[in-house]
């Protein structure tokens, strides 16, 4: 059991390093992907394959409500920790989901979708 706990912690650390600590991807998120005008009436974002939560958190920090879906549980754990760290966990809902099996409007209607 101790081995599984250590494995889970280390794999979560690897996901976090790969997805949330890369300066190039931080640049893309800040400058390109999240170029939604402030004060826009669009307020709901669906992040398909949200991974470690970088884009979801960036959108939530701009005031958007986000639903982040991913099939990998470890990624969702990392995403939740990142949301907590950035104090936006109340604006993001992360869920384990196979995005290839989503039904239309399963989570409502969105202004933007990140893939």
C-alpha atoms as a PDB file:
ATOM      1  CA  UNK A   1       0.000   0.000   0.000  1.00  0.00           C
ATOM      2  CA  UNK A   2       2.850   2.386   0.808  1.00  0.00           C
ATOM      3  CA  UNK A   3       4.284   1.714  -2.648  1.00  0.00           C
ATOM      4  CA  UNK A   4       0.985   2.668  -4.320  1.00  0.00           C
ATOM      5  CA  UNK A   5       0.792   5.891  -2.300  1.00  0.00           C
ATOM      6  CA  UNK A   6       4.347   6.818  -3.283  1.00  0.00           C
ATOM      7  CA  UNK A   7       3.642   5.887  -6.917  1.00  0.00           C
ATOM      8  CA  UNK A   8       0.527   8.064  -6.952  1.00  0.00           C
ATOM      9  CA  UNK A   9       2.375  11.036  -5.418  1.00  0.00           C
ATOM     10  CA  UNK A  10       5.323  10.747  -7.817  1.00  0.00           C
ATOM     11  CA  UNK A  11       3.163  10.329 -10.908  1.00  0.00           C
ATOM     12  CA  UNK A  12       1.129  13.372  -9.842  1.00  0.00           C
ATOM     13  CA  UNK A  13       4.391  15.323  -9.508  1.00  0.00           C
ATOM     14  CA  UNK A  14       5.399  14.291 -13.026  1.00  0.00           C
ATOM     15  CA  UNK A  15       2.036  15.379 -14.468  1.00  0.00           C
ATOM     16  CA  UNK A  16       2.358  18.699 -12.658  1.00  0.00           C
ATOM     17  CA  UNK A  17       5.888  19.293 -13.977  1.00  0.00           C
ATOM     18  CA  UNK A  18       4.972  18.395 -17.547  1.00  0.00           C
ATOM     19  CA  UNK A  19       1.705  20.291 -17.728  1.00  0.00           C
ATOM     20  CA  UNK A  20       1.942  23.182 -15.310  1.00  0.00           C
ATOM     21  CA  UNK A  21       5.619  24.142 -14.990  1.00  0.00           C
ATOM     22  CA  UNK A  22       6.609  24.623 -18.611  1.00  0.00           C
ATOM     23  CA  UNK A  23       7.339  28.295 -19.470  1.00  0.00           C
ATOM     24  CA  UNK A  24       6.500  27.769 -23.153  1.00  0.00           C
ATOM     25  CA  UNK A  25       3.034  26.434 -22.358  1.00  0.00           C
ATOM     26  CA  UNK A  26       2.526  29.182 -19.782  1.00  0.00           C
ATOM     27  CA  UNK A  27       3.236  31.678 -22.555  1.00  0.00           C
ATOM     28  CA  UNK A  28       0.777  30.005 -24.920  1.00  0.00           C
ATOM     29  CA  UNK A  29      -1.926  29.938 -22.269  1.00  0.00           C
ATOM     30  CA  UNK A  30      -1.456  33.568 -21.263  1.00  0.00           C
ATOM     31  CA  UNK A  31      -0.879  35.139 -24.677  1.00  0.00           C
ATOM     32  CA  UNK A  32      -2.674  33.038 -27.233  1.00  0.00           C
ATOM     33  CA  UNK A  33      -5.265  30.587 -25.923  1.00  0.00           C
ATOM     34  CA  UNK A  34      -6.785  32.796 -23.239  1.00  0.00           C
ATOM     35  CA  UNK A  35      -7.128  35.962 -25.285  1.00  0.00           C
ATOM     36  CA  UNK A  36     -10.790  36.397 -24.358  1.00  0.00           C
ATOM     37  CA  UNK A  37     -11.676  40.067 -23.966  1.00  0.00           C
ATOM     38  CA  UNK A  38     -12.160  41.170 -20.337  1.00  0.00           C
ATOM     39  CA  UNK A  39     -15.757  42.081 -19.535  1.00  0.00           C
ATOM     40  CA  UNK A  40     -17.035  39.841 -22.322  1.00  0.00           C
ATOM     41  CA  UNK A  41     -20.539  38.445 -21.873  1.00  0.00           C
ATOM     42  CA  UNK A  42     -19.175  34.941 -22.489  1.00  0.00           C
ATOM     43  CA  UNK A  43     -18.783  33.331 -19.092  1.00  0.00           C
ATOM     44  CA  UNK A  44     -18.785  29.515 -19.473  1.00  0.00           C
ATOM     45  CA  UNK A  45     -15.862  27.470 -20.761  1.00  0.00           C
ATOM     46  CA  UNK A  46     -15.589  23.722 -21.325  1.00  0.00           C
ATOM     47  CA  UNK A  47     -12.018  22.414 -21.163  1.00  0.00           C
ATOM     48  CA  UNK A  48     -11.925  19.023 -22.914  1.00  0.00           C
ATOM     49  CA  UNK A  49      -8.873  17.002 -21.924  1.00  0.00           C
ATOM     50  CA  UNK A  50      -8.018  19.521 -19.199  1.00  0.00           C
ATOM     51  CA  UNK A  51      -4.971  17.579 -17.991  1.00  0.00           C
ATOM     52  CA  UNK A  52      -3.256  19.311 -15.081  1.00  0.00           C
ATOM     53  CA  UNK A  53      -5.662  22.250 -15.247  1.00  0.00           C
ATOM     54  CA  UNK A  54      -3.422  25.006 -16.609  1.00  0.00           C
ATOM     55  CA  UNK A  55      -5.970  26.378 -19.097  1.00  0.00           C
ATOM     56  CA  UNK A  56      -8.922  25.859 -16.759  1.00  0.00           C
ATOM     57  CA  UNK A  57      -7.203  27.819 -14.005  1.00  0.00           C
ATOM     58  CA  UNK A  58      -6.159  30.600 -16.409  1.00  0.00           C
ATOM     59  CA  UNK A  59      -9.777  30.978 -17.537  1.00  0.00           C
ATOM     60  CA  UNK A  60     -11.126  30.903 -13.978  1.00  0.00           C
ATOM     61  CA  UNK A  61      -8.638  33.588 -12.946  1.00  0.00           C
ATOM     62  CA  UNK A  62     -10.167  35.784 -15.675  1.00  0.00           C
ATOM     63  CA  UNK A  63     -13.588  35.277 -14.110  1.00  0.00           C
ATOM     64  CA  UNK A  64     -14.990  32.447 -16.193  1.00  0.00           C
ATOM     65  CA  UNK A  65     -16.823  29.412 -14.883  1.00  0.00           C
ATOM     66  CA  UNK A  66     -15.050  26.310 -16.161  1.00  0.00           C
ATOM     67  CA  UNK A  67     -15.848  22.633 -16.469  1.00  0.00           C
ATOM     68  CA  UNK A  68     -12.665  20.627 -16.999  1.00  0.00           C
ATOM     69  CA  UNK A  69     -12.975  17.061 -18.226  1.00  0.00           C
ATOM     70  CA  UNK A  70     -10.215  14.486 -18.414  1.00  0.00           C
ATOM     71  CA  UNK A  71     -10.025  10.706 -18.408  1.00  0.00           C
ATOM     72  CA  UNK A  72      -6.866  10.493 -16.277  1.00  0.00           C
ATOM     73  CA  UNK A  73      -7.582  10.626 -12.549  1.00  0.00           C
ATOM     74  CA  UNK A  74      -4.026  11.696 -11.640  1.00  0.00           C
ATOM     75  CA  UNK A  75      -4.296  14.705 -13.930  1.00  0.00           C
ATOM     76  CA  UNK A  76      -7.528  15.723 -12.240  1.00  0.00           C
ATOM     77  CA  UNK A  77      -5.872  15.510  -8.820  1.00  0.00           C
ATOM     78  CA  UNK A  78      -3.111  17.823 -10.051  1.00  0.00           C
ATOM     79  CA  UNK A  79      -5.694  20.152 -11.612  1.00  0.00           C
ATOM     80  CA  UNK A  80      -7.625  20.359  -8.358  1.00  0.00           C
ATOM     81  CA  UNK A  81      -4.463  21.214  -6.425  1.00  0.00           C
ATOM     82  CA  UNK A  82      -3.566  23.907  -8.975  1.00  0.00           C
ATOM     83  CA  UNK A  83      -7.058  25.401  -8.682  1.00  0.00           C
ATOM     84  CA  UNK A  84      -6.775  25.412  -4.880  1.00  0.00           C
ATOM     85  CA  UNK A  85      -3.325  27.000  -5.048  1.00  0.00           C
ATOM     86  CA  UNK A  86      -4.691  29.773  -7.284  1.00  0.00           C
ATOM     87  CA  UNK A  87      -7.831  30.198  -5.153  1.00  0.00           C
ATOM     88  CA  UNK A  88     -10.220  29.493  -8.053  1.00  0.00           C
ATOM     89  CA  UNK A  89     -11.537  26.078  -7.043  1.00  0.00           C
ATOM     90  CA  UNK A  90     -15.018  27.585  -6.578  1.00  0.00           C
ATOM     91  CA  UNK A  91     -15.106  28.552 -10.266  1.00  0.00           C
ATOM     92  CA  UNK A  92     -13.951  25.211 -11.707  1.00  0.00           C
ATOM     93  CA  UNK A  93     -15.632  21.815 -11.731  1.00  0.00           C
ATOM     94  CA  UNK A  94     -13.271  18.952 -12.673  1.00  0.00           C
ATOM     95  CA  UNK A  95     -14.709  15.576 -13.619  1.00  0.00           C
ATOM     96  CA  UNK A  96     -13.353  12.280 -14.910  1.00  0.00           C
ATOM     97  CA  UNK A  97     -14.988  11.780 -18.266  1.00  0.00           C
ATOM     98  CA  UNK A  98     -14.309  10.053 -21.583  1.00  0.00           C
ATOM     99  CA  UNK A  99     -14.802  12.989 -23.935  1.00  0.00           C
ATOM    100  CA  UNK A 100     -15.413  10.656 -26.884  1.00  0.00           C
ATOM    101  CA  UNK A 101     -18.647   9.567 -25.209  1.00  0.00           C
ATOM    102  CA  UNK A 102     -20.132  12.957 -24.316  1.00  0.00           C
ATOM    103  CA  UNK A 103     -23.743  13.594 -25.182  1.00  0.00           C
ATOM    104  CA  UNK A 104     -24.780  16.934 -26.706  1.00  0.00           C
ATOM    105  CA  UNK A 105     -25.411  19.552 -24.035  1.00  0.00           C
ATOM    106  CA  UNK A 106     -24.547  17.020 -21.291  1.00  0.00           C
ATOM    107  CA  UNK A 107     -22.982  19.806 -19.249  1.00  0.00           C
ATOM    108  CA  UNK A 108     -25.027  22.639 -20.687  1.00  0.00           C
ATOM    109  CA  UNK A 109     -24.135  25.271 -23.241  1.00  0.00           C
ATOM    110  CA  UNK A 110     -20.712  26.938 -23.376  1.00  0.00           C
ATOM    111  CA  UNK A 111     -19.349  30.145 -24.790  1.00  0.00           C
ATOM    112  CA  UNK A 112     -15.942  28.622 -25.508  1.00  0.00           C
ATOM    113  CA  UNK A 113     -14.488  25.130 -25.700  1.00  0.00           C
ATOM    114  CA  UNK A 114     -10.799  24.432 -25.160  1.00  0.00           C
ATOM    115  CA  UNK A 115      -9.463  21.246 -26.700  1.00  0.00           C
END
